[in-house]
Amino acid sequence: MWKKSELREAPAPLEGPVVGTITGGTILWFLLFLGQLPFYGWFADRGHAWWVWTCLAGGGLGLVGIWYVRKRDAAIKRAAAAERATADDPA
């Protein structure tokens, strides 16, 4: 059993190419949707039509995700530029 004194702080989150990752995932969801669309009848006959619509929903939510991470990335860059501007200001 872990003692409270043995617990460690969580590491800082890793920053990476978030916009590219979300964009790639969104493209993958849409490709999966388009790849399954010609076989919709097969999926529907077996009760698996939700697979097709899940891929479409993933692509749609990915579009929202792309919008969000682009806004977030721009806000982080603006904050960093403002911090540099105040650090360089001798007043």
PDB file of N, CA and C in Angstrom:
ATOM      1  N   MET A   1       0.831  -1.173   0.000  1.00  0.00           N
ATOM      2  CA  MET A   1       0.000   0.000   0.000  1.00  0.00           C
ATOM      3  C   MET A   1       0.880   1.243   0.000  1.00  0.00           C
ATOM      4  N   TRP A   2       0.491   2.232  -0.784  1.00  0.00           N
ATOM      5  CA  TRP A   2       1.256   3.468  -0.871  1.00  0.00           C
ATOM      6  C   TRP A   2       0.972   4.356   0.324  1.00  0.00           C
ATOM      7  N   LYS A   3       2.017   4.941   0.836  1.00  0.00           N
ATOM      8  CA  LYS A   3       1.840   5.930   1.888  1.00  0.00           C
ATOM      9  C   LYS A   3       1.750   7.307   1.235  1.00  0.00           C
ATOM     10  N   LYS A   4       1.073   8.186   1.913  1.00  0.00           N
ATOM     11  CA  LYS A   4       0.894   9.516   1.349  1.00  0.00           C
ATOM     12  C   LYS A   4       2.236  10.205   1.114  1.00  0.00           C
ATOM     13  N   SER A   5       3.217   9.940   1.955  1.00  0.00           N
ATOM     14  CA  SER A   5       4.525  10.570   1.800  1.00  0.00           C
ATOM     15  C   SER A   5       5.270  10.053   0.571  1.00  0.00           C
ATOM     16  N   GLU A   6       4.852   8.899   0.040  1.00  0.00           N
ATOM     17  CA  GLU A   6       5.512   8.331  -1.130  1.00  0.00           C
ATOM     18  C   GLU A   6       4.935   8.848  -2.449  1.00  0.00           C
ATOM     19  N   LEU A   7       3.814   9.550  -2.392  1.00  0.00           N
ATOM     20  CA  LEU A   7       3.210  10.060  -3.622  1.00  0.00           C
ATOM     21  C   LEU A   7       4.064  11.175  -4.202  1.00  0.00           C
ATOM     22  N   ARG A   8       4.084  11.233  -5.509  1.00  0.00           N
ATOM     23  CA  ARG A   8       4.877  12.255  -6.202  1.00  0.00           C
ATOM     24  C   ARG A   8       3.946  13.177  -6.953  1.00  0.00           C
ATOM     25  N   GLU A   9       4.457  14.348  -7.254  1.00  0.00           N
ATOM     26  CA  GLU A   9       3.674  15.291  -8.039  1.00  0.00           C
ATOM     27  C   GLU A   9       3.574  14.808  -9.479  1.00  0.00           C
ATOM     28  N   ALA A  10       2.482  15.155 -10.101  1.00  0.00           N
ATOM     29  CA  ALA A  10       2.295  14.789 -11.504  1.00  0.00           C
ATOM     30  C   ALA A  10       3.261  15.594 -12.374  1.00  0.00           C
ATOM     31  N   PRO A  11       3.820  14.986 -13.405  1.00  0.00           N
ATOM     32  CA  PRO A  11       4.722  15.734 -14.284  1.00  0.00           C
ATOM     33  C   PRO A  11       3.948  16.769 -15.095  1.00  0.00           C
ATOM     34  N   ALA A  12       4.661  17.741 -15.594  1.00  0.00           N
ATOM     35  CA  ALA A  12       4.037  18.779 -16.430  1.00  0.00           C
ATOM     36  C   ALA A  12       3.537  18.143 -17.729  1.00  0.00           C
ATOM     37  N   PRO A  13       2.420  18.630 -18.258  1.00  0.00           N
ATOM     38  CA  PRO A  13       1.910  18.049 -19.510  1.00  0.00           C
ATOM     39  C   PRO A  13       2.864  18.312 -20.671  1.00  0.00           C
ATOM     40  N   LEU A  14       2.913  17.372 -21.580  1.00  0.00           N
ATOM     41  CA  LEU A  14       3.776  17.508 -22.743  1.00  0.00           C
ATOM     42  C   LEU A  14       3.063  18.308 -23.821  1.00  0.00           C
ATOM     43  N   GLU A  15       3.770  19.211 -24.427  1.00  0.00           N
ATOM     44  CA  GLU A  15       3.222  19.955 -25.556  1.00  0.00           C
ATOM     45  C   GLU A  15       3.838  19.380 -26.819  1.00  0.00           C
ATOM     46  N   GLY A  16       3.036  19.231 -27.821  1.00  0.00           N
ATOM     47  CA  GLY A  16       3.506  18.681 -29.077  1.00  0.00           C
ATOM     48  C   GLY A  16       2.749  19.314 -30.228  1.00  0.00           C
ATOM     49  N   PRO A  17       2.808  18.693 -31.386  1.00  0.00           N
ATOM     50  CA  PRO A  17       2.091  19.233 -32.557  1.00  0.00           C
ATOM     51  C   PRO A  17       0.593  18.922 -32.462  1.00  0.00           C
ATOM     52  N   VAL A  18      -0.091  19.638 -31.581  1.00  0.00           N
ATOM     53  CA  VAL A  18      -1.488  19.340 -31.283  1.00  0.00           C
ATOM     54  C   VAL A  18      -2.369  19.551 -32.516  1.00  0.00           C
ATOM     55  N   VAL A  19      -2.168  20.656 -33.224  1.00  0.00           N
ATOM     56  CA  VAL A  19      -3.003  20.949 -34.387  1.00  0.00           C
ATOM     57  C   VAL A  19      -2.843  19.858 -35.444  1.00  0.00           C
ATOM     58  N   GLY A  20      -1.629  19.440 -35.698  1.00  0.00           N
ATOM     59  CA  GLY A  20      -1.384  18.389 -36.679  1.00  0.00           C
ATOM     60  C   GLY A  20      -1.957  17.051 -36.257  1.00  0.00           C
ATOM     61  N   THR A  21      -1.886  16.755 -34.970  1.00  0.00           N
ATOM     62  CA  THR A  21      -2.430  15.499 -34.465  1.00  0.00           C
ATOM     63  C   THR A  21      -3.945  15.453 -34.616  1.00  0.00           C
ATOM     64  N   ILE A  22      -4.615  16.521 -34.233  1.00  0.00           N
ATOM     65  CA  ILE A  22      -6.077  16.569 -34.334  1.00  0.00           C
ATOM     66  C   ILE A  22      -6.506  16.557 -35.798  1.00  0.00           C
ATOM     67  N   THR A  23      -5.782  17.277 -36.640  1.00  0.00           N
ATOM     68  CA  THR A  23      -6.109  17.293 -38.074  1.00  0.00           C
ATOM     69  C   THR A  23      -5.941  15.903 -38.677  1.00  0.00           C
ATOM     70  N   GLY A  24      -4.857  15.231 -38.336  1.00  0.00           N
ATOM     71  CA  GLY A  24      -4.636  13.879 -38.843  1.00  0.00           C
ATOM     72  C   GLY A  24      -5.711  12.909 -38.391  1.00  0.00           C
ATOM     73  N   GLY A  25      -6.112  13.004 -37.131  1.00  0.00           N
ATOM     74  CA  GLY A  25      -7.178  12.150 -36.630  1.00  0.00           C
ATOM     75  C   GLY A  25      -8.505  12.427 -37.308  1.00  0.00           C
ATOM     76  N   THR A  26      -8.784  13.696 -37.572  1.00  0.00           N
ATOM     77  CA  THR A  26     -10.029  14.066 -38.249  1.00  0.00           C
ATOM     78  C   THR A  26     -10.046  13.521 -39.671  1.00  0.00           C
ATOM     79  N   ILE A  27      -8.943  13.648 -40.360  1.00  0.00           N
ATOM     80  CA  ILE A  27      -8.852  13.105 -41.720  1.00  0.00           C
ATOM     81  C   ILE A  27      -9.059  11.593 -41.693  1.00  0.00           C
ATOM     82  N   LEU A  28      -8.469  10.933 -40.704  1.00  0.00           N
ATOM     83  CA  LEU A  28      -8.625   9.481 -40.580  1.00  0.00           C
ATOM     84  C   LEU A  28     -10.093   9.093 -40.364  1.00  0.00           C
ATOM     85  N   TRP A  29     -10.804   9.812 -39.506  1.00  0.00           N
ATOM     86  CA  TRP A  29     -12.222   9.526 -39.287  1.00  0.00           C
ATOM     87  C   TRP A  29     -13.024   9.681 -40.572  1.00  0.00           C
ATOM     88  N   PHE A  30     -12.767  10.769 -41.325  1.00  0.00           N
ATOM     89  CA  PHE A  30     -13.501  10.970 -42.576  1.00  0.00           C
ATOM     90  C   PHE A  30     -13.156   9.904 -43.614  1.00  0.00           C
ATOM     91  N   LEU A  31     -11.892   9.491 -43.664  1.00  0.00           N
ATOM     92  CA  LEU A  31     -11.514   8.417 -44.588  1.00  0.00           C
ATOM     93  C   LEU A  31     -12.193   7.103 -44.216  1.00  0.00           C
ATOM     94  N   LEU A  32     -12.285   6.820 -42.933  1.00  0.00           N
ATOM     95  CA  LEU A  32     -12.997   5.621 -42.503  1.00  0.00           C
ATOM     96  C   LEU A  32     -14.478   5.701 -42.878  1.00  0.00           C
ATOM     97  N   PHE A  33     -15.068   6.874 -42.715  1.00  0.00           N
ATOM     98  CA  PHE A  33     -16.469   7.049 -43.104  1.00  0.00           C
ATOM     99  C   PHE A  33     -16.647   6.807 -44.604  1.00  0.00           C
ATOM    100  N   LEU A  34     -15.801   7.437 -45.404  1.00  0.00           N
ATOM    101  CA  LEU A  34     -15.908   7.282 -46.859  1.00  0.00           C
ATOM    102  C   LEU A  34     -15.618   5.853 -47.293  1.00  0.00           C
ATOM    103  N   GLY A  35     -14.714   5.170 -46.596  1.00  0.00           N
ATOM    104  CA  GLY A  35     -14.406   3.780 -46.925  1.00  0.00           C
ATOM    105  C   GLY A  35     -15.542   2.823 -46.593  1.00  0.00           C
ATOM    106  N   GLN A  36     -16.334   3.143 -45.586  1.00  0.00           N
ATOM    107  CA  GLN A  36     -17.433   2.273 -45.196  1.00  0.00           C
ATOM    108  C   GLN A  36     -18.732   2.603 -45.920  1.00  0.00           C
ATOM    109  N   LEU A  37     -18.833   3.801 -46.452  1.00  0.00           N
ATOM    110  CA  LEU A  37     -20.081   4.241 -47.070  1.00  0.00           C
ATOM    111  C   LEU A  37     -20.563   3.336 -48.208  1.00  0.00           C
ATOM    112  N   PRO A  38     -19.681   2.853 -49.093  1.00  0.00           N
ATOM    113  CA  PRO A  38     -20.186   1.957 -50.145  1.00  0.00           C
ATOM    114  C   PRO A  38     -20.754   0.637 -49.614  1.00  0.00           C
ATOM    115  N   PHE A  39     -20.390   0.264 -48.403  1.00  0.00           N
ATOM    116  CA  PHE A  39     -20.849  -0.987 -47.816  1.00  0.00           C
ATOM    117  C   PHE A  39     -21.943  -0.769 -46.777  1.00  0.00           C
ATOM    118  N   TYR A  40     -22.625   0.372 -46.864  1.00  0.00           N
ATOM    119  CA  TYR A  40     -23.639   0.710 -45.865  1.00  0.00           C
ATOM    120  C   TYR A  40     -24.718  -0.375 -45.769  1.00  0.00           C
ATOM    121  N   GLY A  41     -25.142  -0.897 -46.900  1.00  0.00           N
ATOM    122  CA  GLY A  41     -26.163  -1.949 -46.896  1.00  0.00           C
ATOM    123  C   GLY A  41     -25.717  -3.178 -46.130  1.00  0.00           C
ATOM    124  N   TRP A  42     -24.479  -3.571 -46.317  1.00  0.00           N
ATOM    125  CA  TRP A  42     -23.927  -4.721 -45.603  1.00  0.00           C
ATOM    126  C   TRP A  42     -23.948  -4.468 -44.096  1.00  0.00           C
ATOM    127  N   PHE A  43     -23.500  -3.263 -43.685  1.00  0.00           N
ATOM    128  CA  PHE A  43     -23.506  -2.917 -42.265  1.00  0.00           C
ATOM    129  C   PHE A  43     -24.928  -2.885 -41.714  1.00  0.00           C
ATOM    130  N   ALA A  44     -25.850  -2.294 -42.479  1.00  0.00           N
ATOM    131  CA  ALA A  44     -27.239  -2.176 -42.020  1.00  0.00           C
ATOM    132  C   ALA A  44     -27.901  -3.548 -41.883  1.00  0.00           C
ATOM    133  N   ASP A  45     -27.626  -4.450 -42.817  1.00  0.00           N
ATOM    134  CA  ASP A  45     -28.212  -5.792 -42.751  1.00  0.00           C
ATOM    135  C   ASP A  45     -27.777  -6.554 -41.500  1.00  0.00           C
ATOM    136  N   ARG A  46     -26.605  -6.271 -41.011  1.00  0.00           N
ATOM    137  CA  ARG A  46     -26.070  -6.980 -39.847  1.00  0.00           C
ATOM    138  C   ARG A  46     -26.218  -6.187 -38.550  1.00  0.00           C
ATOM    139  N   GLY A  47     -26.904  -5.054 -38.623  1.00  0.00           N
ATOM    140  CA  GLY A  47     -27.123  -4.249 -37.417  1.00  0.00           C
ATOM    141  C   GLY A  47     -25.922  -3.434 -36.978  1.00  0.00           C
ATOM    142  N   HIS A  48     -25.012  -3.172 -37.913  1.00  0.00           N
ATOM    143  CA  HIS A  48     -23.805  -2.414 -37.579  1.00  0.00           C
ATOM    144  C   HIS A  48     -23.728  -1.075 -38.313  1.00  0.00           C
ATOM    145  N   ALA A  49     -24.855  -0.520 -38.681  1.00  0.00           N
ATOM    146  CA  ALA A  49     -24.839   0.771 -39.387  1.00  0.00           C
ATOM    147  C   ALA A  49     -24.264   1.873 -38.515  1.00  0.00           C
ATOM    148  N   TRP A  50     -24.313   1.689 -37.215  1.00  0.00           N
ATOM    149  CA  TRP A  50     -23.776   2.704 -36.318  1.00  0.00           C
ATOM    150  C   TRP A  50     -22.272   2.889 -36.510  1.00  0.00           C
ATOM    151  N   TRP A  51     -21.572   1.882 -37.044  1.00  0.00           N
ATOM    152  CA  TRP A  51     -20.144   2.036 -37.313  1.00  0.00           C
ATOM    153  C   TRP A  51     -19.907   3.170 -38.299  1.00  0.00           C
ATOM    154  N   VAL A  52     -20.736   3.218 -39.335  1.00  0.00           N
ATOM    155  CA  VAL A  52     -20.593   4.256 -40.358  1.00  0.00           C
ATOM    156  C   VAL A  52     -20.844   5.619 -39.740  1.00  0.00           C
ATOM    157  N   TRP A  53     -21.917   5.729 -38.954  1.00  0.00           N
ATOM    158  CA  TRP A  53     -22.270   7.029 -38.379  1.00  0.00           C
ATOM    159  C   TRP A  53     -21.316   7.451 -37.273  1.00  0.00           C
ATOM    160  N   THR A  54     -20.687   6.486 -36.624  1.00  0.00           N
ATOM    161  CA  THR A  54     -19.677   6.826 -35.622  1.00  0.00           C
ATOM    162  C   THR A  54     -18.477   7.494 -36.283  1.00  0.00           C
ATOM    163  N   CYS A  55     -18.096   6.997 -37.456  1.00  0.00           N
ATOM    164  CA  CYS A  55     -16.971   7.617 -38.176  1.00  0.00           C
ATOM    165  C   CYS A  55     -17.318   9.035 -38.617  1.00  0.00           C
ATOM    166  N   LEU A  56     -18.547   9.234 -39.065  1.00  0.00           N
ATOM    167  CA  LEU A  56     -18.966  10.587 -39.453  1.00  0.00           C
ATOM    168  C   LEU A  56     -18.980  11.510 -38.240  1.00  0.00           C
ATOM    169  N   ALA A  57     -19.486  11.014 -37.115  1.00  0.00           N
ATOM    170  CA  ALA A  57     -19.497  11.825 -35.895  1.00  0.00           C
ATOM    171  C   ALA A  57     -18.074  12.150 -35.441  1.00  0.00           C
ATOM    172  N   GLY A  58     -17.169  11.188 -35.557  1.00  0.00           N
ATOM    173  CA  GLY A  58     -15.771  11.443 -35.204  1.00  0.00           C
ATOM    174  C   GLY A  58     -15.154  12.523 -36.072  1.00  0.00           C
ATOM    175  N   GLY A  59     -15.467  12.492 -37.371  1.00  0.00           N
ATOM    176  CA  GLY A  59     -14.964  13.534 -38.269  1.00  0.00           C
ATOM    177  C   GLY A  59     -15.556  14.892 -37.940  1.00  0.00           C
ATOM    178  N   GLY A  60     -16.851  14.920 -37.638  1.00  0.00           N
ATOM    179  CA  GLY A  60     -17.490  16.198 -37.288  1.00  0.00           C
ATOM    180  C   GLY A  60     -16.944  16.766 -35.994  1.00  0.00           C
ATOM    181  N   LEU A  61     -16.777  15.922 -34.991  1.00  0.00           N
ATOM    182  CA  LEU A  61     -16.192  16.393 -33.735  1.00  0.00           C
ATOM    183  C   LEU A  61     -14.729  16.790 -33.926  1.00  0.00           C
ATOM    184  N   GLY A  62     -14.064  16.128 -34.848  1.00  0.00           N
ATOM    185  CA  GLY A  62     -12.683  16.506 -35.161  1.00  0.00           C
ATOM    186  C   GLY A  62     -12.600  17.911 -35.741  1.00  0.00           C
ATOM    187  N   LEU A  63     -13.590  18.301 -36.539  1.00  0.00           N
ATOM    188  CA  LEU A  63     -13.610  19.666 -37.068  1.00  0.00           C
ATOM    189  C   LEU A  63     -13.731  20.685 -35.941  1.00  0.00           C
ATOM    190  N   VAL A  64     -14.569  20.375 -34.957  1.00  0.00           N
ATOM    191  CA  VAL A  64     -14.675  21.245 -33.779  1.00  0.00           C
ATOM    192  C   VAL A  64     -13.339  21.266 -33.038  1.00  0.00           C
ATOM    193  N   GLY A  65     -12.705  20.109 -32.945  1.00  0.00           N
ATOM    194  CA  GLY A  65     -11.408  20.023 -32.283  1.00  0.00           C
ATOM    195  C   GLY A  65     -10.329  20.831 -32.989  1.00  0.00           C
ATOM    196  N   ILE A  66     -10.332  20.799 -34.313  1.00  0.00           N
ATOM    197  CA  ILE A  66      -9.361  21.593 -35.067  1.00  0.00           C
ATOM    198  C   ILE A  66      -9.560  23.068 -34.787  1.00  0.00           C
ATOM    199  N   TRP A  67     -10.815  23.520 -34.794  1.00  0.00           N
ATOM    200  CA  TRP A  67     -11.111  24.927 -34.505  1.00  0.00           C
ATOM    201  C   TRP A  67     -10.601  25.277 -33.103  1.00  0.00           C
ATOM    202  N   TYR A  68     -10.873  24.406 -32.141  1.00  0.00           N
ATOM    203  CA  TYR A  68     -10.499  24.672 -30.754  1.00  0.00           C
ATOM    204  C   TYR A  68      -8.980  24.746 -30.573  1.00  0.00           C
ATOM    205  N   VAL A  69      -8.248  23.769 -31.095  1.00  0.00           N
ATOM    206  CA  VAL A  69      -6.800  23.754 -30.869  1.00  0.00           C
ATOM    207  C   VAL A  69      -6.094  24.868 -31.635  1.00  0.00           C
ATOM    208  N   ARG A  70      -6.654  25.280 -32.770  1.00  0.00           N
ATOM    209  CA  ARG A  70      -6.055  26.421 -33.475  1.00  0.00           C
ATOM    210  C   ARG A  70      -6.219  27.698 -32.666  1.00  0.00           C
ATOM    211  N   LYS A  71      -7.415  27.897 -32.082  1.00  0.00           N
ATOM    212  CA  LYS A  71      -7.643  29.069 -31.222  1.00  0.00           C
ATOM    213  C   LYS A  71      -6.744  29.011 -29.992  1.00  0.00           C
ATOM    214  N   ARG A  72      -6.608  27.822 -29.412  1.00  0.00           N
ATOM    215  CA  ARG A  72      -5.768  27.649 -28.230  1.00  0.00           C
ATOM    216  C   ARG A  72      -4.303  27.938 -28.559  1.00  0.00           C
ATOM    217  N   ASP A  73      -3.841  27.421 -29.677  1.00  0.00           N
ATOM    218  CA  ASP A  73      -2.459  27.646 -30.094  1.00  0.00           C
ATOM    219  C   ASP A  73      -2.191  29.135 -30.321  1.00  0.00           C
ATOM    220  N   ALA A  74      -3.140  29.818 -30.959  1.00  0.00           N
ATOM    221  CA  ALA A  74      -2.982  31.254 -31.192  1.00  0.00           C
ATOM    222  C   ALA A  74      -2.961  32.025 -29.873  1.00  0.00           C
ATOM    223  N   ALA A  75      -3.798  31.632 -28.910  1.00  0.00           N
ATOM    224  CA  ALA A  75      -3.830  32.305 -27.611  1.00  0.00           C
ATOM    225  C   ALA A  75      -2.524  32.084 -26.847  1.00  0.00           C
ATOM    226  N   ILE A  76      -1.970  30.876 -26.934  1.00  0.00           N
ATOM    227  CA  ILE A  76      -0.698  30.602 -26.269  1.00  0.00           C
ATOM    228  C   ILE A  76       0.413  31.451 -26.878  1.00  0.00           C
ATOM    229  N   LYS A  77       0.421  31.561 -28.201  1.00  0.00           N
ATOM    230  CA  LYS A  77       1.442  32.380 -28.865  1.00  0.00           C
ATOM    231  C   LYS A  77       1.285  33.854 -28.523  1.00  0.00           C
ATOM    232  N   ARG A  78       0.035  34.349 -28.447  1.00  0.00           N
ATOM    233  CA  ARG A  78      -0.199  35.746 -28.064  1.00  0.00           C
ATOM    234  C   ARG A  78       0.269  36.005 -26.639  1.00  0.00           C
ATOM    235  N   ALA A  79      -0.004  35.080 -25.731  1.00  0.00           N
ATOM    236  CA  ALA A  79       0.414  35.245 -24.338  1.00  0.00           C
ATOM    237  C   ALA A  79       1.932  35.232 -24.218  1.00  0.00           C
ATOM    238  N   ALA A  80       2.584  34.353 -24.983  1.00  0.00           N
ATOM    239  CA  ALA A  80       4.046  34.304 -24.946  1.00  0.00           C
ATOM    240  C   ALA A  80       4.647  35.593 -25.503  1.00  0.00           C
ATOM    241  N   ALA A  81       4.049  36.125 -26.576  1.00  0.00           N
ATOM    242  CA  ALA A  81       4.548  37.383 -27.153  1.00  0.00           C
ATOM    243  C   ALA A  81       4.337  38.541 -26.185  1.00  0.00           C
ATOM    244  N   ALA A  82       3.208  38.562 -25.498  1.00  0.00           N
ATOM    245  CA  ALA A  82       2.951  39.627 -24.528  1.00  0.00           C
ATOM    246  C   ALA A  82       3.915  39.514 -23.351  1.00  0.00           C
ATOM    247  N   GLU A  83       4.218  38.296 -22.940  1.00  0.00           N
ATOM    248  CA  GLU A  83       5.161  38.107 -21.839  1.00  0.00           C
ATOM    249  C   GLU A  83       6.559  38.553 -22.244  1.00  0.00           C
ATOM    250  N   ARG A  84       6.958  38.246 -23.467  1.00  0.00           N
ATOM    251  CA  ARG A  84       8.271  38.709 -23.952  1.00  0.00           C
ATOM    252  C   ARG A  84       8.307  40.223 -24.053  1.00  0.00           C
ATOM    253  N   ALA A  85       7.217  40.829 -24.476  1.00  0.00           N
ATOM    254  CA  ALA A  85       7.165  42.285 -24.618  1.00  0.00           C
ATOM    255  C   ALA A  85       7.289  42.959 -23.241  1.00  0.00           C
ATOM    256  N   THR A  86       6.644  42.410 -22.242  1.00  0.00           N
ATOM    257  CA  THR A  86       6.746  43.008 -20.903  1.00  0.00           C
ATOM    258  C   THR A  86       8.115  42.739 -20.289  1.00  0.00           C
ATOM    259  N   ALA A  87       8.745  41.612 -20.625  1.00  0.00           N
ATOM    260  CA  ALA A  87      10.077  41.308 -20.114  1.00  0.00           C
ATOM    261  C   ALA A  87      11.120  42.208 -20.756  1.00  0.00           C
ATOM    262  N   ASP A  88      10.922  42.582 -22.031  1.00  0.00           N
ATOM    263  CA  ASP A  88      11.869  43.445 -22.735  1.00  0.00           C
ATOM    264  C   ASP A  88      11.671  44.918 -22.424  1.00  0.00           C
ATOM    265  N   ASP A  89      10.535  45.274 -21.850  1.00  0.00           N
ATOM    266  CA  ASP A  89      10.217  46.669 -21.538  1.00  0.00           C
ATOM    267  C   ASP A  89      10.987  47.091 -20.284  1.00  0.00           C
ATOM    268  N   PRO A  90      11.933  48.034 -20.402  1.00  0.00           N
ATOM    269  CA  PRO A  90      12.763  48.424 -19.246  1.00  0.00           C
ATOM    270  C   PRO A  90      11.997  49.274 -18.240  1.00  0.00           C
ATOM    271  N   ALA A  91      10.824  49.741 -18.564  1.00  0.00           N
ATOM    272  CA  ALA A  91      10.088  50.627 -17.640  1.00  0.00           C
ATOM    273  C   ALA A  91       9.524  49.835 -16.560  1.00  0.00           C
TER     274      ALA A  91
END
